[in-house]
Amino acid sequence: MDGFIDVFTDLVIAAGIPTACIHRRKDVELPGFFRPTKEWDLLVVRKNTLLVAIEAKSQVGPSFGNNFNNRTEEAMGSALDLWTAYREHAYLASPQPFLGYFFMLEDCDASNNPVKVREPHFKVFPEFVGASYRRRYELFCRKLVLERHYTASAFITSTAGAGSKGVFAEPADDLSMDRFARTLVGHLAAFV
């Protein structure tokens, strides 16, 4: 995921933000509301103002089922924690920051095959019936933005062999790297 964080870092610099304001690997903790701190993959903090927080995650097989639930809960919890801390002025007088979620999934049979759902008491939402893990992650990333938990989300897939070479696919236009990048740069334009 470091390569993608490099791309986002380059975009932030190209948007006019000084490199001293960009944090990755070090000084990436933000206070939370439900926990003391959370480490982000990329932070942009300028003059005591939180501008950007990006989370980058990936998943490879074979345990797509358990990991899907863990990834979704983690992403929703991180957003809830950040926005609640924001409401409580943990980030001083910062205007609303850009909160980004970037996700890469291994493209393989196990992630593309339909998955059964159990409905012992109530029906699940129809979009999940027969949906593969790939489709479930796409829906998840879209819903994170639709429900305004994240400002933007990008969802990509790659095979085990192609991923290390930087080859990936974008299953949905609204979750593309380009849209994510444009939203990030557009947000930063207000601060340069």
N, C-alpha and C. Protein backbone atom coordinates (compact mmCIF):
# COMPACT_ATOMS: atom_id res chain seq x y z
N MET A 1 0.82 -1.20 0.00
CA MET A 1 0.00 0.00 0.00
C MET A 1 0.86 1.27 0.00
N ASP A 2 2.15 1.11 0.30
CA ASP A 2 3.03 2.28 0.34
C ASP A 2 3.06 3.03 -0.98
N GLY A 3 2.99 2.31 -2.09
CA GLY A 3 3.01 2.97 -3.39
C GLY A 3 1.82 3.89 -3.59
N PHE A 4 0.66 3.48 -3.10
CA PHE A 4 -0.52 4.32 -3.23
C PHE A 4 -0.44 5.52 -2.29
N ILE A 5 0.10 5.31 -1.10
CA ILE A 5 0.30 6.44 -0.19
C ILE A 5 1.30 7.42 -0.80
N ASP A 6 2.29 6.91 -1.52
CA ASP A 6 3.22 7.79 -2.26
C ASP A 6 2.46 8.65 -3.27
N VAL A 7 1.54 8.04 -4.00
CA VAL A 7 0.74 8.78 -4.99
C VAL A 7 -0.07 9.87 -4.31
N PHE A 8 -0.74 9.53 -3.21
CA PHE A 8 -1.54 10.53 -2.50
C PHE A 8 -0.66 11.65 -1.95
N THR A 9 0.51 11.28 -1.46
CA THR A 9 1.46 12.28 -0.95
C THR A 9 1.89 13.23 -2.07
N ASP A 10 2.20 12.69 -3.23
CA ASP A 10 2.58 13.52 -4.39
C ASP A 10 1.45 14.47 -4.78
N LEU A 11 0.21 14.00 -4.72
CA LEU A 11 -0.94 14.85 -5.04
C LEU A 11 -1.06 16.01 -4.05
N VAL A 12 -0.85 15.70 -2.78
CA VAL A 12 -0.93 16.74 -1.74
C VAL A 12 0.15 17.80 -1.97
N ILE A 13 1.36 17.36 -2.28
CA ILE A 13 2.46 18.29 -2.55
C ILE A 13 2.16 19.12 -3.80
N ALA A 14 1.67 18.46 -4.86
CA ALA A 14 1.33 19.16 -6.10
C ALA A 14 0.21 20.17 -5.89
N ALA A 15 -0.63 19.93 -4.89
CA ALA A 15 -1.72 20.86 -4.59
C ALA A 15 -1.22 22.10 -3.85
N GLY A 16 0.05 22.10 -3.44
CA GLY A 16 0.63 23.27 -2.79
C GLY A 16 0.81 23.17 -1.30
N ILE A 17 0.68 21.98 -0.74
CA ILE A 17 0.86 21.81 0.70
C ILE A 17 2.32 21.49 0.97
N PRO A 18 2.96 22.21 1.89
CA PRO A 18 4.37 21.94 2.21
C PRO A 18 4.58 20.52 2.76
N THR A 19 5.70 19.92 2.41
CA THR A 19 5.97 18.56 2.85
C THR A 19 6.04 18.43 4.37
N ALA A 20 6.38 19.49 5.05
CA ALA A 20 6.44 19.44 6.52
C ALA A 20 5.06 19.20 7.14
N CYS A 21 4.02 19.41 6.38
CA CYS A 21 2.64 19.23 6.87
C CYS A 21 2.12 17.82 6.63
N ILE A 22 2.89 17.01 5.91
CA ILE A 22 2.45 15.68 5.50
C ILE A 22 3.10 14.65 6.41
N HIS A 23 2.27 13.76 6.95
CA HIS A 23 2.76 12.77 7.91
C HIS A 23 2.34 11.38 7.47
N ARG A 24 3.34 10.48 7.47
CA ARG A 24 3.13 9.06 7.19
C ARG A 24 4.20 8.28 7.93
N ARG A 25 3.83 7.14 8.44
CA ARG A 25 4.72 6.27 9.23
C ARG A 25 5.08 6.85 10.60
N LYS A 26 5.13 8.16 10.72
CA LYS A 26 5.52 8.81 11.98
C LYS A 26 4.58 9.99 12.21
N ASP A 27 4.22 10.19 13.46
CA ASP A 27 3.32 11.29 13.83
C ASP A 27 1.99 11.19 13.09
N VAL A 28 1.44 9.96 13.02
CA VAL A 28 0.19 9.74 12.30
C VAL A 28 -0.99 9.46 13.24
N GLU A 29 -0.80 9.77 14.51
CA GLU A 29 -1.87 9.55 15.49
C GLU A 29 -2.79 10.76 15.57
N LEU A 30 -4.08 10.47 15.65
CA LEU A 30 -5.08 11.50 15.93
C LEU A 30 -5.86 11.08 17.15
N PRO A 31 -6.26 12.04 17.97
CA PRO A 31 -7.09 11.68 19.11
C PRO A 31 -8.44 11.15 18.63
N GLY A 32 -8.95 10.18 19.37
CA GLY A 32 -10.28 9.67 19.10
C GLY A 32 -11.21 10.06 20.22
N PHE A 33 -12.46 9.73 20.05
CA PHE A 33 -13.45 9.97 21.10
C PHE A 33 -13.66 8.73 21.93
N PHE A 34 -13.69 7.57 21.28
CA PHE A 34 -13.94 6.30 21.95
C PHE A 34 -12.66 5.59 22.36
N ARG A 35 -11.53 6.05 21.86
CA ARG A 35 -10.22 5.50 22.21
C ARG A 35 -9.24 6.67 22.24
N PRO A 36 -8.12 6.51 22.89
CA PRO A 36 -7.20 7.65 23.01
C PRO A 36 -6.70 8.17 21.66
N THR A 37 -6.21 7.25 20.80
CA THR A 37 -5.68 7.67 19.50
C THR A 37 -5.94 6.60 18.46
N LYS A 38 -5.81 6.99 17.20
CA LYS A 38 -5.87 6.08 16.07
C LYS A 38 -4.77 6.50 15.10
N GLU A 39 -4.03 5.52 14.58
CA GLU A 39 -2.99 5.80 13.59
C GLU A 39 -3.59 5.74 12.19
N TRP A 40 -3.32 6.77 11.40
CA TRP A 40 -3.79 6.85 10.02
C TRP A 40 -2.61 6.60 9.09
N ASP A 41 -2.90 6.23 7.86
CA ASP A 41 -1.83 5.96 6.90
C ASP A 41 -1.24 7.24 6.33
N LEU A 42 -2.05 8.28 6.25
CA LEU A 42 -1.58 9.57 5.75
C LEU A 42 -2.37 10.67 6.43
N LEU A 43 -1.64 11.62 7.00
CA LEU A 43 -2.26 12.80 7.62
C LEU A 43 -1.67 14.05 7.01
N VAL A 44 -2.51 15.06 6.88
CA VAL A 44 -2.05 16.38 6.50
C VAL A 44 -2.55 17.35 7.56
N VAL A 45 -1.61 17.95 8.28
CA VAL A 45 -1.93 18.90 9.34
C VAL A 45 -1.12 20.16 9.08
N ARG A 46 -1.81 21.26 8.90
CA ARG A 46 -1.15 22.53 8.58
C ARG A 46 -1.62 23.60 9.55
N LYS A 47 -0.68 24.22 10.25
CA LYS A 47 -0.98 25.29 11.20
C LYS A 47 -2.08 24.87 12.18
N ASN A 48 -1.87 23.73 12.84
CA ASN A 48 -2.82 23.19 13.81
C ASN A 48 -4.21 22.94 13.22
N THR A 49 -4.26 22.70 11.92
CA THR A 49 -5.52 22.42 11.24
C THR A 49 -5.42 21.05 10.57
N LEU A 50 -6.34 20.15 10.91
CA LEU A 50 -6.39 18.84 10.27
C LEU A 50 -7.05 19.00 8.90
N LEU A 51 -6.29 18.72 7.84
CA LEU A 51 -6.82 18.85 6.49
C LEU A 51 -7.22 17.50 5.90
N VAL A 52 -6.41 16.46 6.15
CA VAL A 52 -6.62 15.17 5.49
C VAL A 52 -6.26 14.03 6.44
N ALA A 53 -7.08 12.98 6.42
CA ALA A 53 -6.76 11.70 7.06
C ALA A 53 -7.18 10.61 6.09
N ILE A 54 -6.23 9.74 5.73
CA ILE A 54 -6.52 8.66 4.78
C ILE A 54 -6.16 7.32 5.41
N GLU A 55 -7.06 6.38 5.23
CA GLU A 55 -6.86 4.99 5.66
C GLU A 55 -6.72 4.14 4.39
N ALA A 56 -5.68 3.32 4.31
CA ALA A 56 -5.47 2.43 3.16
C ALA A 56 -5.43 1.00 3.66
N LYS A 57 -6.30 0.16 3.11
CA LYS A 57 -6.39 -1.23 3.54
C LYS A 57 -6.41 -2.14 2.32
N SER A 58 -6.04 -3.40 2.55
CA SER A 58 -6.10 -4.39 1.49
C SER A 58 -6.53 -5.72 2.09
N GLN A 59 -6.96 -6.62 1.20
CA GLN A 59 -7.28 -7.96 1.65
C GLN A 59 -6.93 -8.96 0.57
N VAL A 60 -6.25 -10.02 0.98
CA VAL A 60 -5.97 -11.15 0.11
C VAL A 60 -6.61 -12.38 0.74
N GLY A 61 -6.81 -13.42 -0.08
CA GLY A 61 -7.46 -14.64 0.39
C GLY A 61 -6.55 -15.43 1.30
N PRO A 62 -7.02 -16.51 1.84
CA PRO A 62 -8.29 -17.14 1.49
C PRO A 62 -9.45 -16.79 2.41
N SER A 63 -9.25 -16.14 3.53
CA SER A 63 -10.31 -15.91 4.53
C SER A 63 -11.10 -14.64 4.25
N PHE A 64 -11.82 -14.59 3.16
CA PHE A 64 -12.55 -13.37 2.82
C PHE A 64 -13.71 -13.10 3.76
N GLY A 65 -14.37 -14.14 4.23
CA GLY A 65 -15.54 -13.96 5.08
C GLY A 65 -15.26 -13.24 6.37
N ASN A 66 -14.38 -13.79 7.20
CA ASN A 66 -14.06 -13.14 8.48
C ASN A 66 -13.41 -11.78 8.26
N ASN A 67 -12.51 -11.69 7.30
CA ASN A 67 -11.82 -10.43 7.08
C ASN A 67 -12.74 -9.34 6.56
N PHE A 68 -13.74 -9.70 5.75
CA PHE A 68 -14.70 -8.71 5.28
C PHE A 68 -15.40 -8.04 6.46
N ASN A 69 -15.88 -8.86 7.38
CA ASN A 69 -16.56 -8.30 8.56
C ASN A 69 -15.61 -7.43 9.38
N ASN A 70 -14.39 -7.88 9.57
CA ASN A 70 -13.43 -7.09 10.34
C ASN A 70 -13.11 -5.77 9.66
N ARG A 71 -12.91 -5.80 8.34
CA ARG A 71 -12.58 -4.57 7.61
C ARG A 71 -13.73 -3.56 7.64
N THR A 72 -14.95 -4.05 7.48
CA THR A 72 -16.08 -3.13 7.48
C THR A 72 -16.27 -2.50 8.86
N GLU A 73 -16.19 -3.31 9.89
CA GLU A 73 -16.35 -2.78 11.24
C GLU A 73 -15.25 -1.80 11.59
N GLU A 74 -14.03 -2.11 11.19
CA GLU A 74 -12.89 -1.23 11.46
C GLU A 74 -13.07 0.13 10.76
N ALA A 75 -13.44 0.11 9.50
CA ALA A 75 -13.59 1.37 8.75
C ALA A 75 -14.72 2.22 9.31
N MET A 76 -15.84 1.59 9.62
CA MET A 76 -16.96 2.36 10.18
C MET A 76 -16.61 2.90 11.57
N GLY A 77 -15.94 2.08 12.36
CA GLY A 77 -15.54 2.53 13.71
C GLY A 77 -14.55 3.67 13.67
N SER A 78 -13.60 3.62 12.75
CA SER A 78 -12.62 4.69 12.63
C SER A 78 -13.28 6.00 12.23
N ALA A 79 -14.23 5.92 11.31
CA ALA A 79 -14.94 7.14 10.89
C ALA A 79 -15.77 7.70 12.03
N LEU A 80 -16.51 6.84 12.72
CA LEU A 80 -17.33 7.30 13.85
C LEU A 80 -16.46 7.95 14.92
N ASP A 81 -15.33 7.33 15.20
CA ASP A 81 -14.41 7.85 16.22
C ASP A 81 -13.87 9.22 15.83
N LEU A 82 -13.45 9.35 14.56
CA LEU A 82 -12.91 10.64 14.10
C LEU A 82 -13.97 11.73 14.10
N TRP A 83 -15.14 11.45 13.53
CA TRP A 83 -16.17 12.50 13.43
C TRP A 83 -16.71 12.89 14.80
N THR A 84 -16.76 11.95 15.73
CA THR A 84 -17.21 12.31 17.08
C THR A 84 -16.15 13.15 17.78
N ALA A 85 -14.89 12.80 17.62
CA ALA A 85 -13.81 13.62 18.19
C ALA A 85 -13.80 15.00 17.54
N TYR A 86 -14.07 15.05 16.25
CA TYR A 86 -14.15 16.34 15.54
C TYR A 86 -15.27 17.20 16.13
N ARG A 87 -16.42 16.59 16.33
CA ARG A 87 -17.56 17.32 16.93
C ARG A 87 -17.19 17.88 18.29
N GLU A 88 -16.36 17.14 19.02
CA GLU A 88 -15.98 17.55 20.37
C GLU A 88 -14.73 18.44 20.36
N HIS A 89 -14.34 18.94 19.20
CA HIS A 89 -13.23 19.90 19.02
C HIS A 89 -11.86 19.34 19.37
N ALA A 90 -11.68 18.03 19.17
CA ALA A 90 -10.37 17.43 19.41
C ALA A 90 -9.31 17.97 18.46
N TYR A 91 -9.75 18.46 17.31
CA TYR A 91 -8.82 18.97 16.30
C TYR A 91 -8.89 20.49 16.24
N LEU A 92 -9.11 21.07 17.43
CA LEU A 92 -9.16 22.51 17.62
C LEU A 92 -10.22 23.12 16.72
N ALA A 93 -9.88 24.14 15.98
CA ALA A 93 -10.88 24.82 15.15
C ALA A 93 -10.80 24.38 13.69
N SER A 94 -10.34 23.16 13.44
CA SER A 94 -10.20 22.67 12.07
C SER A 94 -11.54 22.67 11.36
N PRO A 95 -11.56 23.13 10.10
CA PRO A 95 -12.77 22.94 9.30
C PRO A 95 -12.90 21.45 9.00
N GLN A 96 -14.02 21.05 8.44
CA GLN A 96 -14.22 19.63 8.16
C GLN A 96 -13.09 19.09 7.30
N PRO A 97 -12.38 18.05 7.78
CA PRO A 97 -11.26 17.50 7.01
C PRO A 97 -11.74 16.57 5.90
N PHE A 98 -10.84 16.26 4.98
CA PHE A 98 -11.05 15.21 3.99
C PHE A 98 -10.75 13.90 4.69
N LEU A 99 -11.71 13.00 4.69
CA LEU A 99 -11.50 11.67 5.26
C LEU A 99 -11.61 10.67 4.11
N GLY A 100 -10.51 9.98 3.81
CA GLY A 100 -10.48 9.08 2.67
C GLY A 100 -10.28 7.63 3.07
N TYR A 101 -10.94 6.74 2.32
CA TYR A 101 -10.80 5.30 2.53
C TYR A 101 -10.41 4.67 1.19
N PHE A 102 -9.24 4.04 1.17
CA PHE A 102 -8.71 3.40 -0.03
C PHE A 102 -8.62 1.91 0.23
N PHE A 103 -9.19 1.10 -0.68
CA PHE A 103 -9.21 -0.34 -0.45
C PHE A 103 -8.81 -1.11 -1.71
N MET A 104 -7.91 -2.10 -1.53
CA MET A 104 -7.51 -2.98 -2.61
C MET A 104 -7.82 -4.43 -2.22
N LEU A 105 -8.49 -5.14 -3.14
CA LEU A 105 -8.89 -6.53 -2.92
C LEU A 105 -8.19 -7.44 -3.91
N GLU A 106 -7.76 -8.60 -3.45
CA GLU A 106 -7.18 -9.59 -4.36
C GLU A 106 -8.26 -10.08 -5.32
N ASP A 107 -7.95 -10.04 -6.60
CA ASP A 107 -8.85 -10.52 -7.65
C ASP A 107 -8.54 -12.00 -7.88
N CYS A 108 -9.43 -12.87 -7.38
CA CYS A 108 -9.23 -14.31 -7.50
C CYS A 108 -10.61 -14.97 -7.49
N ASP A 109 -10.64 -16.27 -7.72
CA ASP A 109 -11.92 -16.98 -7.73
C ASP A 109 -12.68 -16.78 -6.43
N ALA A 110 -12.00 -16.91 -5.31
CA ALA A 110 -12.67 -16.81 -4.01
C ALA A 110 -13.29 -15.43 -3.77
N SER A 111 -12.72 -14.38 -4.33
CA SER A 111 -13.29 -13.04 -4.13
C SER A 111 -14.36 -12.72 -5.16
N ASN A 112 -14.42 -13.48 -6.26
CA ASN A 112 -15.38 -13.22 -7.34
C ASN A 112 -16.59 -14.16 -7.34
N ASN A 113 -16.52 -15.26 -6.62
CA ASN A 113 -17.63 -16.21 -6.59
C ASN A 113 -18.77 -15.69 -5.72
N PRO A 114 -20.02 -15.97 -6.11
CA PRO A 114 -21.17 -15.57 -5.26
C PRO A 114 -21.06 -16.20 -3.87
N VAL A 115 -21.53 -15.45 -2.89
CA VAL A 115 -21.50 -15.91 -1.50
C VAL A 115 -22.93 -16.01 -1.00
N LYS A 116 -23.23 -17.10 -0.34
CA LYS A 116 -24.57 -17.30 0.22
C LYS A 116 -24.75 -16.41 1.45
N VAL A 117 -25.98 -16.02 1.69
CA VAL A 117 -26.31 -15.29 2.92
C VAL A 117 -27.29 -16.13 3.72
N ARG A 118 -27.19 -16.03 5.01
CA ARG A 118 -28.14 -16.70 5.90
C ARG A 118 -29.18 -15.68 6.31
N GLU A 119 -30.43 -16.09 6.26
CA GLU A 119 -31.54 -15.20 6.61
C GLU A 119 -32.51 -15.92 7.55
N PRO A 120 -32.04 -16.33 8.75
CA PRO A 120 -32.91 -17.12 9.62
C PRO A 120 -34.09 -16.33 10.20
N HIS A 121 -33.99 -15.03 10.27
CA HIS A 121 -35.06 -14.24 10.89
C HIS A 121 -35.60 -13.14 9.98
N PHE A 122 -34.72 -12.46 9.26
CA PHE A 122 -35.12 -11.33 8.42
C PHE A 122 -34.36 -11.39 7.11
N LYS A 123 -34.90 -10.77 6.10
CA LYS A 123 -34.27 -10.72 4.79
C LYS A 123 -33.14 -9.69 4.80
N VAL A 124 -32.02 -10.05 4.17
CA VAL A 124 -30.94 -9.09 4.01
C VAL A 124 -31.31 -8.16 2.85
N PHE A 125 -30.63 -7.04 2.74
CA PHE A 125 -30.89 -6.14 1.64
C PHE A 125 -30.59 -6.87 0.33
N PRO A 126 -31.43 -6.67 -0.68
CA PRO A 126 -31.32 -7.47 -1.91
C PRO A 126 -29.97 -7.36 -2.63
N GLU A 127 -29.29 -6.26 -2.50
CA GLU A 127 -28.00 -6.12 -3.20
C GLU A 127 -26.94 -7.09 -2.69
N PHE A 128 -27.16 -7.66 -1.51
CA PHE A 128 -26.19 -8.60 -0.94
C PHE A 128 -26.46 -10.06 -1.33
N VAL A 129 -27.67 -10.34 -1.81
CA VAL A 129 -28.04 -11.72 -2.15
C VAL A 129 -27.23 -12.15 -3.37
N GLY A 130 -26.44 -13.21 -3.21
CA GLY A 130 -25.63 -13.73 -4.29
C GLY A 130 -24.44 -12.87 -4.67
N ALA A 131 -24.14 -11.85 -3.88
CA ALA A 131 -23.02 -10.95 -4.19
C ALA A 131 -21.70 -11.58 -3.77
N SER A 132 -20.71 -11.44 -4.60
CA SER A 132 -19.36 -11.90 -4.28
C SER A 132 -18.74 -10.95 -3.25
N TYR A 133 -17.58 -11.33 -2.71
CA TYR A 133 -16.89 -10.41 -1.81
C TYR A 133 -16.45 -9.16 -2.56
N ARG A 134 -16.10 -9.31 -3.80
CA ARG A 134 -15.75 -8.14 -4.62
C ARG A 134 -16.92 -7.17 -4.67
N ARG A 135 -18.09 -7.70 -4.96
CA ARG A 135 -19.29 -6.84 -5.02
C ARG A 135 -19.61 -6.26 -3.64
N ARG A 136 -19.46 -7.05 -2.60
CA ARG A 136 -19.73 -6.56 -1.24
C ARG A 136 -18.79 -5.40 -0.88
N TYR A 137 -17.50 -5.52 -1.23
CA TYR A 137 -16.57 -4.42 -0.94
C TYR A 137 -16.91 -3.18 -1.76
N GLU A 138 -17.31 -3.38 -3.00
CA GLU A 138 -17.72 -2.24 -3.82
C GLU A 138 -18.91 -1.53 -3.18
N LEU A 139 -19.91 -2.30 -2.78
CA LEU A 139 -21.08 -1.71 -2.12
C LEU A 139 -20.68 -1.00 -0.84
N PHE A 140 -19.81 -1.64 -0.08
CA PHE A 140 -19.36 -1.05 1.18
C PHE A 140 -18.68 0.29 0.96
N CYS A 141 -17.72 0.33 0.04
CA CYS A 141 -17.00 1.58 -0.22
C CYS A 141 -17.95 2.68 -0.69
N ARG A 142 -18.90 2.31 -1.53
CA ARG A 142 -19.88 3.28 -2.02
C ARG A 142 -20.76 3.80 -0.87
N LYS A 143 -21.19 2.91 -0.02
CA LYS A 143 -22.07 3.30 1.09
C LYS A 143 -21.34 4.16 2.12
N LEU A 144 -20.02 3.95 2.28
CA LEU A 144 -19.25 4.80 3.19
C LEU A 144 -19.34 6.27 2.78
N VAL A 145 -19.33 6.51 1.47
CA VAL A 145 -19.42 7.88 0.97
C VAL A 145 -20.87 8.35 0.95
N LEU A 146 -21.77 7.48 0.51
CA LEU A 146 -23.19 7.81 0.47
C LEU A 146 -23.70 8.26 1.83
N GLU A 147 -23.26 7.57 2.87
CA GLU A 147 -23.70 7.90 4.23
C GLU A 147 -22.81 8.96 4.88
N ARG A 148 -21.87 9.50 4.14
CA ARG A 148 -21.00 10.59 4.58
C ARG A 148 -20.09 10.24 5.76
N HIS A 149 -19.74 8.97 5.83
CA HIS A 149 -18.75 8.56 6.83
C HIS A 149 -17.35 8.93 6.34
N TYR A 150 -17.16 8.88 5.02
CA TYR A 150 -15.90 9.25 4.39
C TYR A 150 -16.20 10.24 3.27
N THR A 151 -15.28 11.17 3.05
CA THR A 151 -15.42 12.15 1.98
C THR A 151 -15.33 11.47 0.62
N ALA A 152 -14.40 10.53 0.48
CA ALA A 152 -14.20 9.80 -0.77
C ALA A 152 -13.66 8.41 -0.44
N SER A 153 -13.94 7.49 -1.36
CA SER A 153 -13.43 6.14 -1.23
C SER A 153 -13.00 5.65 -2.60
N ALA A 154 -11.92 4.89 -2.64
CA ALA A 154 -11.47 4.26 -3.87
C ALA A 154 -11.41 2.76 -3.64
N PHE A 155 -11.84 2.00 -4.65
CA PHE A 155 -11.85 0.55 -4.56
C PHE A 155 -11.20 -0.01 -5.81
N ILE A 156 -10.12 -0.77 -5.60
CA ILE A 156 -9.42 -1.39 -6.73
C ILE A 156 -9.22 -2.87 -6.45
N THR A 157 -8.96 -3.62 -7.53
CA THR A 157 -8.65 -5.04 -7.40
C THR A 157 -7.38 -5.34 -8.17
N SER A 158 -6.71 -6.40 -7.76
CA SER A 158 -5.50 -6.82 -8.46
C SER A 158 -5.23 -8.29 -8.17
N THR A 159 -4.63 -8.97 -9.12
CA THR A 159 -4.25 -10.37 -8.88
C THR A 159 -2.98 -10.40 -8.04
N ALA A 160 -2.72 -11.54 -7.46
CA ALA A 160 -1.53 -11.68 -6.61
C ALA A 160 -0.26 -11.35 -7.38
N GLY A 161 -0.14 -11.79 -8.62
CA GLY A 161 1.07 -11.55 -9.40
C GLY A 161 1.17 -10.14 -9.96
N ALA A 162 0.04 -9.55 -10.32
CA ALA A 162 0.06 -8.22 -10.96
C ALA A 162 0.15 -7.08 -9.96
N GLY A 163 -0.33 -7.30 -8.75
CA GLY A 163 -0.35 -6.23 -7.76
C GLY A 163 1.00 -5.64 -7.45
N SER A 164 2.01 -6.49 -7.32
CA SER A 164 3.35 -5.99 -7.01
C SER A 164 3.96 -5.21 -8.17
N LYS A 165 3.38 -5.36 -9.37
CA LYS A 165 3.85 -4.62 -10.55
C LYS A 165 3.05 -3.34 -10.78
N GLY A 166 2.11 -3.08 -9.90
CA GLY A 166 1.32 -1.85 -10.02
C GLY A 166 0.14 -1.97 -10.96
N VAL A 167 -0.21 -3.19 -11.35
CA VAL A 167 -1.35 -3.40 -12.25
C VAL A 167 -2.60 -3.64 -11.41
N PHE A 168 -3.65 -2.89 -11.69
CA PHE A 168 -4.90 -3.05 -10.94
C PHE A 168 -6.08 -2.69 -11.83
N ALA A 169 -7.27 -3.09 -11.37
CA ALA A 169 -8.52 -2.77 -12.05
C ALA A 169 -9.38 -1.92 -11.14
N GLU A 170 -10.25 -1.13 -11.75
CA GLU A 170 -11.18 -0.29 -11.00
C GLU A 170 -12.60 -0.74 -11.37
N PRO A 171 -13.23 -1.54 -10.50
CA PRO A 171 -14.54 -2.10 -10.84
C PRO A 171 -15.67 -1.08 -10.97
N ALA A 172 -15.53 0.10 -10.39
CA ALA A 172 -16.62 1.08 -10.41
C ALA A 172 -16.08 2.48 -10.64
N ASP A 173 -16.67 3.20 -11.60
CA ASP A 173 -16.22 4.56 -11.92
C ASP A 173 -16.31 5.51 -10.73
N ASP A 174 -17.37 5.36 -9.93
CA ASP A 174 -17.56 6.28 -8.80
C ASP A 174 -16.59 6.00 -7.65
N LEU A 175 -15.85 4.89 -7.74
CA LEU A 175 -14.86 4.55 -6.71
C LEU A 175 -13.46 4.48 -7.32
N SER A 176 -13.24 5.22 -8.37
CA SER A 176 -11.96 5.18 -9.08
C SER A 176 -10.90 5.99 -8.36
N MET A 177 -9.66 5.68 -8.69
CA MET A 177 -8.52 6.45 -8.17
C MET A 177 -8.63 7.91 -8.62
N ASP A 178 -9.04 8.12 -9.87
CA ASP A 178 -9.15 9.46 -10.41
C ASP A 178 -10.15 10.30 -9.61
N ARG A 179 -11.31 9.74 -9.34
CA ARG A 179 -12.32 10.49 -8.57
C ARG A 179 -11.82 10.77 -7.16
N PHE A 180 -11.21 9.77 -6.55
CA PHE A 180 -10.65 9.95 -5.21
C PHE A 180 -9.62 11.08 -5.22
N ALA A 181 -8.71 11.05 -6.20
CA ALA A 181 -7.65 12.06 -6.30
C ALA A 181 -8.23 13.45 -6.54
N ARG A 182 -9.21 13.55 -7.42
CA ARG A 182 -9.82 14.86 -7.72
C ARG A 182 -10.53 15.43 -6.50
N THR A 183 -11.19 14.58 -5.75
CA THR A 183 -11.87 15.04 -4.54
C THR A 183 -10.86 15.51 -3.50
N LEU A 184 -9.77 14.78 -3.35
CA LEU A 184 -8.70 15.15 -2.42
C LEU A 184 -8.10 16.50 -2.81
N VAL A 185 -7.72 16.64 -4.06
CA VAL A 185 -7.09 17.89 -4.53
C VAL A 185 -8.07 19.05 -4.44
N GLY A 186 -9.33 18.81 -4.78
CA GLY A 186 -10.34 19.86 -4.67
C GLY A 186 -10.52 20.35 -3.24
N HIS A 187 -10.47 19.42 -2.30
CA HIS A 187 -10.56 19.80 -0.89
C HIS A 187 -9.37 20.67 -0.47
N LEU A 188 -8.18 20.27 -0.90
CA LEU A 188 -6.98 21.01 -0.51
C LEU A 188 -6.91 22.38 -1.13
N ALA A 189 -7.58 22.59 -2.27
CA ALA A 189 -7.53 23.88 -2.96
C ALA A 189 -8.00 25.03 -2.06
N ALA A 190 -8.86 24.74 -1.13
CA ALA A 190 -9.35 25.79 -0.23
C ALA A 190 -8.31 26.24 0.78
N PHE A 191 -7.20 25.50 0.89
CA PHE A 191 -6.23 25.79 1.94
C PHE A 191 -4.88 26.25 1.40
N VAL A 192 -4.76 26.47 0.11
CA VAL A 192 -3.49 26.94 -0.45
C VAL A 192 -3.68 28.27 -1.15
